All heavy atoms as atom14 arrays in JSON, in Angstrom:
{
  "sequence": "ALSQTKTPGSFGWDDTASLMPAAMVTSYTGTSTYLLMSK",
  "atom14_mask": [
    [1, 1, 1, 1, 1, 0, 0, 0, 0, 0, 0, 0, 0, 0],
    [1, 1, 1, 1, 1, 1, 1, 1, 0, 0, 0, 0, 0, 0],
    [1, 1, 1, 1, 1, 1, 0, 0, 0, 0, 0, 0, 0, 0],
    [1, 1, 1, 1, 1, 1, 1, 1, 1, 0, 0, 0, 0, 0],
    [1, 1, 1, 1, 1, 1, 1, 0, 0, 0, 0, 0, 0, 0],
    [1, 1, 1, 1, 1, 1, 1, 1, 1, 0, 0, 0, 0, 0],
    [1, 1, 1, 1, 1, 1, 1, 0, 0, 0, 0, 0, 0, 0],
    [1, 1, 1, 1, 1, 1, 1, 0, 0, 0, 0, 0, 0, 0],
    [1, 1, 1, 1, 0, 0, 0, 0, 0, 0, 0, 0, 0, 0],
    [1, 1, 1, 1, 1, 1, 0, 0, 0, 0, 0, 0, 0, 0],
    [1, 1, 1, 1, 1, 1, 1, 1, 1, 1, 1, 0, 0, 0],
    [1, 1, 1, 1, 0, 0, 0, 0, 0, 0, 0, 0, 0, 0],
    [1, 1, 1, 1, 1, 1, 1, 1, 1, 1, 1, 1, 1, 1],
    [1, 1, 1, 1, 1, 1, 1, 1, 0, 0, 0, 0, 0, 0],
    [1, 1, 1, 1, 1, 1, 1, 1, 0, 0, 0, 0, 0, 0],
    [1, 1, 1, 1, 1, 1, 1, 0, 0, 0, 0, 0, 0, 0],
    [1, 1, 1, 1, 1, 0, 0, 0, 0, 0, 0, 0, 0, 0],
    [1, 1, 1, 1, 1, 1, 0, 0, 0, 0, 0, 0, 0, 0],
    [1, 1, 1, 1, 1, 1, 1, 1, 0, 0, 0, 0, 0, 0],
    [1, 1, 1, 1, 1, 1, 1, 1, 0, 0, 0, 0, 0, 0],
    [1, 1, 1, 1, 1, 1, 1, 0, 0, 0, 0, 0, 0, 0],
    [1, 1, 1, 1, 1, 0, 0, 0, 0, 0, 0, 0, 0, 0],
    [1, 1, 1, 1, 1, 0, 0, 0, 0, 0, 0, 0, 0, 0],
    [1, 1, 1, 1, 1, 1, 1, 1, 0, 0, 0, 0, 0, 0],
    [1, 1, 1, 1, 1, 1, 1, 0, 0, 0, 0, 0, 0, 0],
    [1, 1, 1, 1, 1, 1, 1, 0, 0, 0, 0, 0, 0, 0],
    [1, 1, 1, 1, 1, 1, 0, 0, 0, 0, 0, 0, 0, 0],
    [1, 1, 1, 1, 1, 1, 1, 1, 1, 1, 1, 1, 0, 0],
    [1, 1, 1, 1, 1, 1, 1, 0, 0, 0, 0, 0, 0, 0],
    [1, 1, 1, 1, 0, 0, 0, 0, 0, 0, 0, 0, 0, 0],
    [1, 1, 1, 1, 1, 1, 1, 0, 0, 0, 0, 0, 0, 0],
    [1, 1, 1, 1, 1, 1, 0, 0, 0, 0, 0, 0, 0, 0],
    [1, 1, 1, 1, 1, 1, 1, 0, 0, 0, 0, 0, 0, 0],
    [1, 1, 1, 1, 1, 1, 1, 1, 1, 1, 1, 1, 0, 0],
    [1, 1, 1, 1, 1, 1, 1, 1, 0, 0, 0, 0, 0, 0],
    [1, 1, 1, 1, 1, 1, 1, 1, 0, 0, 0, 0, 0, 0],
    [1, 1, 1, 1, 1, 1, 1, 1, 0, 0, 0, 0, 0, 0],
    [1, 1, 1, 1, 1, 1, 0, 0, 0, 0, 0, 0, 0, 0],
    [1, 1, 1, 1, 1, 1, 1, 1, 1, 0, 0, 0, 0, 0]
  ],
  "atom14_positions": [
    [[122.15, 60.84, 107.14], [123.59, 60.96, 106.9], [123.89, 61.26, 105.42], [125.21, 61.39, 105.11], [124.23, 59.66, 107.25], [0.0, 0.0, 0.0], [0.0, 0.0, 0.0], [0.0, 0.0, 0.0], [0.0, 0.0, 0.0], [0.0, 0.0, 0.0], [0.0, 0.0, 0.0], [0.0, 0.0, 0.0], [0.0, 0.0, 0.0], [0.0, 0.0, 0.0]],
    [[122.96, 61.37, 104.55], [123.08, 61.61, 103.16], [123.96, 60.45, 102.61], [124.86, 60.61, 101.61], [123.76, 62.98, 102.85], [122.99, 64.08, 103.34], [123.75, 65.42, 102.89], [121.56, 64.16, 102.98], [0.0, 0.0, 0.0], [0.0, 0.0, 0.0], [0.0, 0.0, 0.0], [0.0, 0.0, 0.0], [0.0, 0.0, 0.0], [0.0, 0.0, 0.0]],
    [[123.71, 59.25, 103.08], [124.35, 58.09, 102.51], [123.51, 57.12, 101.74], [124.01, 56.23, 101.04], [125.07, 57.35, 103.73], [124.09, 56.87, 104.57], [0.0, 0.0, 0.0], [0.0, 0.0, 0.0], [0.0, 0.0, 0.0], [0.0, 0.0, 0.0], [0.0, 0.0, 0.0], [0.0, 0.0, 0.0], [0.0, 0.0, 0.0], [0.0, 0.0, 0.0]],
    [[122.17, 57.33, 101.82], [121.15, 56.48, 101.24], [120.18, 57.32, 100.44], [119.58, 58.27, 101.03], [120.49, 55.64, 102.25], [119.47, 54.65, 101.67], [118.68, 53.95, 102.85], [118.97, 54.12, 103.91], [117.63, 53.16, 102.39], [0.0, 0.0, 0.0], [0.0, 0.0, 0.0], [0.0, 0.0, 0.0], [0.0, 0.0, 0.0], [0.0, 0.0, 0.0]],
    [[119.93, 57.0, 99.18], [118.97, 57.56, 98.41], [117.63, 56.87, 98.5], [117.57, 55.59, 98.35], [119.39, 57.65, 96.95], [120.58, 58.43, 96.79], [118.27, 58.32, 96.06], [0.0, 0.0, 0.0], [0.0, 0.0, 0.0], [0.0, 0.0, 0.0], [0.0, 0.0, 0.0], [0.0, 0.0, 0.0], [0.0, 0.0, 0.0], [0.0, 0.0, 0.0]],
    [[116.49, 57.57, 98.76], [115.24, 57.01, 98.99], [114.33, 57.45, 97.85], [114.7, 58.16, 96.95], [114.66, 57.43, 100.31], [115.49, 56.86, 101.49], [114.91, 57.04, 102.86], [115.65, 56.46, 103.99], [114.97, 56.56, 105.32], [0.0, 0.0, 0.0], [0.0, 0.0, 0.0], [0.0, 0.0, 0.0], [0.0, 0.0, 0.0], [0.0, 0.0, 0.0]],
    [[113.1, 56.89, 97.88], [112.15, 57.25, 96.84], [111.89, 58.66, 96.69], [111.5, 59.38, 97.75], [110.78, 56.51, 97.1], [111.02, 55.08, 97.2], [109.77, 56.69, 96.0], [0.0, 0.0, 0.0], [0.0, 0.0, 0.0], [0.0, 0.0, 0.0], [0.0, 0.0, 0.0], [0.0, 0.0, 0.0], [0.0, 0.0, 0.0], [0.0, 0.0, 0.0]],
    [[111.93, 59.3, 95.5], [111.69, 60.67, 95.37], [110.25, 61.0, 95.17], [109.49, 60.18, 94.87], [112.53, 61.04, 94.03], [112.35, 59.76, 93.25], [112.42, 58.67, 94.22], [0.0, 0.0, 0.0], [0.0, 0.0, 0.0], [0.0, 0.0, 0.0], [0.0, 0.0, 0.0], [0.0, 0.0, 0.0], [0.0, 0.0, 0.0], [0.0, 0.0, 0.0]],
    [[109.96, 62.33, 95.31], [108.59, 62.8, 94.91], [108.64, 63.23, 93.42], [109.57, 63.54, 92.88], [0.0, 0.0, 0.0], [0.0, 0.0, 0.0], [0.0, 0.0, 0.0], [0.0, 0.0, 0.0], [0.0, 0.0, 0.0], [0.0, 0.0, 0.0], [0.0, 0.0, 0.0], [0.0, 0.0, 0.0], [0.0, 0.0, 0.0], [0.0, 0.0, 0.0]],
    [[107.49, 63.23, 92.9], [107.35, 63.56, 91.36], [107.36, 65.01, 91.08], [107.15, 65.32, 89.97], [106.13, 62.85, 90.9], [105.94, 63.08, 89.49], [0.0, 0.0, 0.0], [0.0, 0.0, 0.0], [0.0, 0.0, 0.0], [0.0, 0.0, 0.0], [0.0, 0.0, 0.0], [0.0, 0.0, 0.0], [0.0, 0.0, 0.0], [0.0, 0.0, 0.0]],
    [[107.55, 65.84, 92.06], [107.63, 67.3, 91.75], [108.55, 67.91, 92.83], [108.49, 67.71, 94.01], [106.26, 67.94, 91.97], [106.23, 69.37, 91.58], [105.76, 69.79, 90.29], [106.68, 70.39, 92.36], [105.72, 71.13, 89.93], [106.65, 71.72, 92.05], [106.28, 72.09, 90.8], [0.0, 0.0, 0.0], [0.0, 0.0, 0.0], [0.0, 0.0, 0.0]],
    [[109.42, 68.78, 92.35], [110.35, 69.44, 93.25], [110.74, 70.85, 93.0], [111.3, 71.58, 93.78], [0.0, 0.0, 0.0], [0.0, 0.0, 0.0], [0.0, 0.0, 0.0], [0.0, 0.0, 0.0], [0.0, 0.0, 0.0], [0.0, 0.0, 0.0], [0.0, 0.0, 0.0], [0.0, 0.0, 0.0], [0.0, 0.0, 0.0], [0.0, 0.0, 0.0]],
    [[110.3, 71.38, 91.81], [110.71, 72.72, 91.33], [110.21, 73.79, 92.24], [109.03, 74.0, 92.45], [110.31, 72.91, 89.9], [110.35, 74.33, 89.44], [109.33, 75.04, 88.86], [111.45, 75.25, 89.5], [109.66, 76.3, 88.62], [111.03, 76.46, 88.97], [112.79, 75.22, 89.91], [111.87, 77.57, 88.87], [113.67, 76.28, 89.87], [113.12, 77.46, 89.27]],
    [[111.11, 74.59, 92.76], [110.81, 75.84, 93.38], [109.83, 75.62, 94.61], [108.87, 76.41, 94.68], [110.33, 76.83, 92.37], [110.32, 78.28, 93.02], [111.04, 78.55, 93.93], [109.57, 79.11, 92.38], [0.0, 0.0, 0.0], [0.0, 0.0, 0.0], [0.0, 0.0, 0.0], [0.0, 0.0, 0.0], [0.0, 0.0, 0.0], [0.0, 0.0, 0.0]],
    [[110.02, 74.64, 95.41], [109.1, 74.31, 96.48], [109.85, 73.7, 97.59], [110.73, 72.88, 97.35], [108.01, 73.39, 95.96], [106.95, 73.13, 97.06], [106.34, 74.05, 97.5], [106.78, 71.89, 97.39], [0.0, 0.0, 0.0], [0.0, 0.0, 0.0], [0.0, 0.0, 0.0], [0.0, 0.0, 0.0], [0.0, 0.0, 0.0], [0.0, 0.0, 0.0]],
    [[109.44, 74.09, 98.85], [109.98, 73.38, 100.04], [108.82, 72.67, 100.51], [107.75, 73.18, 101.03], [110.49, 74.39, 101.05], [111.54, 75.09, 100.39], [111.0, 73.73, 102.33], [0.0, 0.0, 0.0], [0.0, 0.0, 0.0], [0.0, 0.0, 0.0], [0.0, 0.0, 0.0], [0.0, 0.0, 0.0], [0.0, 0.0, 0.0], [0.0, 0.0, 0.0]],
    [[108.95, 71.34, 100.6], [107.69, 70.51, 101.06], [107.35, 70.77, 102.5], [108.17, 71.06, 103.4], [108.13, 69.04, 100.87], [0.0, 0.0, 0.0], [0.0, 0.0, 0.0], [0.0, 0.0, 0.0], [0.0, 0.0, 0.0], [0.0, 0.0, 0.0], [0.0, 0.0, 0.0], [0.0, 0.0, 0.0], [0.0, 0.0, 0.0], [0.0, 0.0, 0.0]],
    [[106.11, 70.71, 102.68], [105.5, 71.02, 104.04], [105.23, 69.62, 104.72], [104.77, 68.67, 104.0], [104.22, 71.78, 104.01], [104.42, 73.08, 103.36], [0.0, 0.0, 0.0], [0.0, 0.0, 0.0], [0.0, 0.0, 0.0], [0.0, 0.0, 0.0], [0.0, 0.0, 0.0], [0.0, 0.0, 0.0], [0.0, 0.0, 0.0], [0.0, 0.0, 0.0]],
    [[105.49, 69.49, 105.96], [105.19, 68.33, 106.79], [103.84, 68.43, 107.36], [103.37, 69.35, 107.81], [106.27, 68.17, 107.98], [107.8, 67.99, 107.44], [108.57, 68.3, 108.63], [107.99, 66.57, 106.93], [0.0, 0.0, 0.0], [0.0, 0.0, 0.0], [0.0, 0.0, 0.0], [0.0, 0.0, 0.0], [0.0, 0.0, 0.0], [0.0, 0.0, 0.0]],
    [[103.23, 67.18, 107.51], [101.98, 67.09, 108.2], [101.79, 65.77, 108.87], [102.34, 64.76, 108.36], [100.77, 67.16, 107.22], [100.63, 66.13, 106.16], [98.97, 66.23, 105.38], [99.09, 67.84, 104.62], [0.0, 0.0, 0.0], [0.0, 0.0, 0.0], [0.0, 0.0, 0.0], [0.0, 0.0, 0.0], [0.0, 0.0, 0.0], [0.0, 0.0, 0.0]],
    [[101.18, 65.68, 110.09], [100.97, 64.39, 110.73], [100.08, 63.48, 109.87], [99.1, 64.0, 109.31], [100.26, 64.78, 111.95], [100.58, 66.25, 112.19], [100.68, 66.81, 110.8], [0.0, 0.0, 0.0], [0.0, 0.0, 0.0], [0.0, 0.0, 0.0], [0.0, 0.0, 0.0], [0.0, 0.0, 0.0], [0.0, 0.0, 0.0], [0.0, 0.0, 0.0]],
    [[100.34, 62.25, 109.75], [99.61, 61.37, 108.92], [98.11, 61.31, 109.38], [97.22, 61.14, 108.54], [100.17, 60.0, 108.88], [0.0, 0.0, 0.0], [0.0, 0.0, 0.0], [0.0, 0.0, 0.0], [0.0, 0.0, 0.0], [0.0, 0.0, 0.0], [0.0, 0.0, 0.0], [0.0, 0.0, 0.0], [0.0, 0.0, 0.0], [0.0, 0.0, 0.0]],
    [[97.93, 61.57, 110.63], [96.52, 61.46, 111.21], [95.64, 62.59, 110.71], [94.43, 62.54, 110.88], [96.61, 61.51, 112.74], [0.0, 0.0, 0.0], [0.0, 0.0, 0.0], [0.0, 0.0, 0.0], [0.0, 0.0, 0.0], [0.0, 0.0, 0.0], [0.0, 0.0, 0.0], [0.0, 0.0, 0.0], [0.0, 0.0, 0.0], [0.0, 0.0, 0.0]],
    [[96.25, 63.59, 110.12], [95.41, 64.65, 109.51], [94.47, 64.19, 108.34], [93.55, 64.8, 108.06], [96.34, 65.74, 109.0], [96.71, 66.86, 110.0], [97.66, 68.24, 109.29], [96.49, 68.94, 108.02], [0.0, 0.0, 0.0], [0.0, 0.0, 0.0], [0.0, 0.0, 0.0], [0.0, 0.0, 0.0], [0.0, 0.0, 0.0], [0.0, 0.0, 0.0]],
    [[95.06, 63.13, 107.67], [94.34, 62.61, 106.51], [93.56, 61.35, 107.0], [94.15, 60.3, 107.15], [95.21, 62.33, 105.36], [94.43, 61.84, 104.09], [96.02, 63.54, 104.96], [0.0, 0.0, 0.0], [0.0, 0.0, 0.0], [0.0, 0.0, 0.0], [0.0, 0.0, 0.0], [0.0, 0.0, 0.0], [0.0, 0.0, 0.0], [0.0, 0.0, 0.0]],
    [[92.25, 61.51, 107.29], [91.52, 60.38, 107.96], [91.41, 59.26, 106.97], [91.24, 58.02, 107.42], [90.12, 60.95, 108.29], [89.57, 61.53, 107.18], [90.24, 61.88, 109.4], [0.0, 0.0, 0.0], [0.0, 0.0, 0.0], [0.0, 0.0, 0.0], [0.0, 0.0, 0.0], [0.0, 0.0, 0.0], [0.0, 0.0, 0.0], [0.0, 0.0, 0.0]],
    [[91.5, 59.44, 105.72], [91.38, 58.34, 104.71], [92.72, 57.57, 104.51], [92.74, 56.52, 103.83], [90.91, 58.79, 103.36], [91.93, 59.82, 102.86], [0.0, 0.0, 0.0], [0.0, 0.0, 0.0], [0.0, 0.0, 0.0], [0.0, 0.0, 0.0], [0.0, 0.0, 0.0], [0.0, 0.0, 0.0], [0.0, 0.0, 0.0], [0.0, 0.0, 0.0]],
    [[93.74, 58.0, 105.1], [95.1, 57.42, 104.9], [95.21, 56.14, 105.64], [94.86, 56.08, 106.8], [96.19, 58.38, 105.34], [97.61, 57.78, 105.32], [98.21, 57.45, 104.02], [98.33, 57.61, 106.38], [99.44, 56.96, 103.92], [99.65, 57.1, 106.41], [100.15, 56.71, 105.1], [101.47, 56.2, 105.03], [0.0, 0.0, 0.0], [0.0, 0.0, 0.0]],
    [[95.71, 55.04, 104.96], [95.78, 53.76, 105.62], [97.15, 53.23, 105.58], [97.42, 52.02, 105.95], [94.85, 52.78, 104.88], [95.24, 52.74, 103.53], [93.38, 53.11, 104.99], [0.0, 0.0, 0.0], [0.0, 0.0, 0.0], [0.0, 0.0, 0.0], [0.0, 0.0, 0.0], [0.0, 0.0, 0.0], [0.0, 0.0, 0.0], [0.0, 0.0, 0.0]],
    [[98.17, 54.01, 105.26], [99.56, 53.65, 105.28], [100.14, 53.56, 106.65], [99.54, 53.79, 107.67], [0.0, 0.0, 0.0], [0.0, 0.0, 0.0], [0.0, 0.0, 0.0], [0.0, 0.0, 0.0], [0.0, 0.0, 0.0], [0.0, 0.0, 0.0], [0.0, 0.0, 0.0], [0.0, 0.0, 0.0], [0.0, 0.0, 0.0], [0.0, 0.0, 0.0]],
    [[101.43, 53.32, 106.58], [102.23, 53.13, 107.91], [103.03, 54.39, 108.22], [103.59, 54.39, 109.39], [103.08, 51.93, 107.85], [104.0, 52.06, 106.68], [102.19, 50.62, 107.63], [0.0, 0.0, 0.0], [0.0, 0.0, 0.0], [0.0, 0.0, 0.0], [0.0, 0.0, 0.0], [0.0, 0.0, 0.0], [0.0, 0.0, 0.0], [0.0, 0.0, 0.0]],
    [[103.21, 55.35, 107.4], [104.13, 56.5, 107.72], [103.4, 57.28, 108.85], [102.24, 57.44, 108.86], [104.37, 57.26, 106.48], [105.23, 58.4, 106.85], [0.0, 0.0, 0.0], [0.0, 0.0, 0.0], [0.0, 0.0, 0.0], [0.0, 0.0, 0.0], [0.0, 0.0, 0.0], [0.0, 0.0, 0.0], [0.0, 0.0, 0.0], [0.0, 0.0, 0.0]],
    [[104.21, 57.9, 109.69], [103.69, 58.76, 110.79], [103.56, 60.27, 110.32], [102.91, 61.05, 110.89], [104.63, 58.74, 111.98], [105.98, 59.22, 111.61], [104.75, 57.32, 112.63], [0.0, 0.0, 0.0], [0.0, 0.0, 0.0], [0.0, 0.0, 0.0], [0.0, 0.0, 0.0], [0.0, 0.0, 0.0], [0.0, 0.0, 0.0], [0.0, 0.0, 0.0]],
    [[104.16, 60.54, 109.11], [104.08, 61.85, 108.57], [103.86, 61.74, 107.08], [104.22, 60.76, 106.42], [105.27, 62.71, 109.0], [106.54, 62.26, 108.11], [106.82, 62.97, 106.9], [107.38, 61.33, 108.54], [108.04, 62.58, 106.17], [108.49, 60.96, 107.87], [108.81, 61.47, 106.65], [109.93, 61.18, 105.98], [0.0, 0.0, 0.0], [0.0, 0.0, 0.0]],
    [[103.24, 62.82, 106.49], [103.04, 62.94, 105.07], [103.65, 64.24, 104.59], [103.99, 65.04, 105.39], [101.57, 62.88, 104.73], [100.9, 61.61, 105.19], [99.38, 61.78, 104.93], [101.41, 60.32, 104.44], [0.0, 0.0, 0.0], [0.0, 0.0, 0.0], [0.0, 0.0, 0.0], [0.0, 0.0, 0.0], [0.0, 0.0, 0.0], [0.0, 0.0, 0.0]],
    [[103.74, 64.43, 103.31], [104.45, 65.58, 102.75], [103.34, 66.3, 101.85], [102.67, 65.64, 101.03], [105.62, 65.22, 101.9], [106.77, 64.63, 102.64], [107.78, 63.95, 101.74], [107.51, 65.63, 103.47], [0.0, 0.0, 0.0], [0.0, 0.0, 0.0], [0.0, 0.0, 0.0], [0.0, 0.0, 0.0], [0.0, 0.0, 0.0], [0.0, 0.0, 0.0]],
    [[103.26, 67.61, 102.03], [102.43, 68.45, 101.08], [103.3, 69.13, 100.05], [104.3, 69.74, 100.58], [101.5, 69.38, 101.96], [100.63, 70.18, 101.01], [101.37, 71.75, 100.57], [100.42, 72.2, 99.06], [0.0, 0.0, 0.0], [0.0, 0.0, 0.0], [0.0, 0.0, 0.0], [0.0, 0.0, 0.0], [0.0, 0.0, 0.0], [0.0, 0.0, 0.0]],
    [[102.97, 69.1, 98.76], [103.78, 69.67, 97.71], [102.91, 70.28, 96.67], [101.83, 69.76, 96.41], [104.79, 68.75, 97.18], [105.47, 69.36, 96.12], [0.0, 0.0, 0.0], [0.0, 0.0, 0.0], [0.0, 0.0, 0.0], [0.0, 0.0, 0.0], [0.0, 0.0, 0.0], [0.0, 0.0, 0.0], [0.0, 0.0, 0.0], [0.0, 0.0, 0.0]],
    [[103.38, 71.45, 96.05], [102.66, 71.7, 94.79], [102.91, 70.65, 93.79], [103.96, 69.91, 93.94], [103.0, 73.12, 94.37], [104.47, 73.37, 93.94], [104.58, 74.79, 93.56], [106.12, 75.2, 93.3], [106.31, 76.56, 92.89], [0.0, 0.0, 0.0], [0.0, 0.0, 0.0], [0.0, 0.0, 0.0], [0.0, 0.0, 0.0], [0.0, 0.0, 0.0]]
  ]
}
């Protein structure tokens, strides 16, 4: 809704972040179902 600001990423210039299933990273132990790939 663009009503809540959440934690930003530390890089944003000239890039559209790519989505990936969290299961792609076998070492990942967090709770998110998706991760973000960015330069």
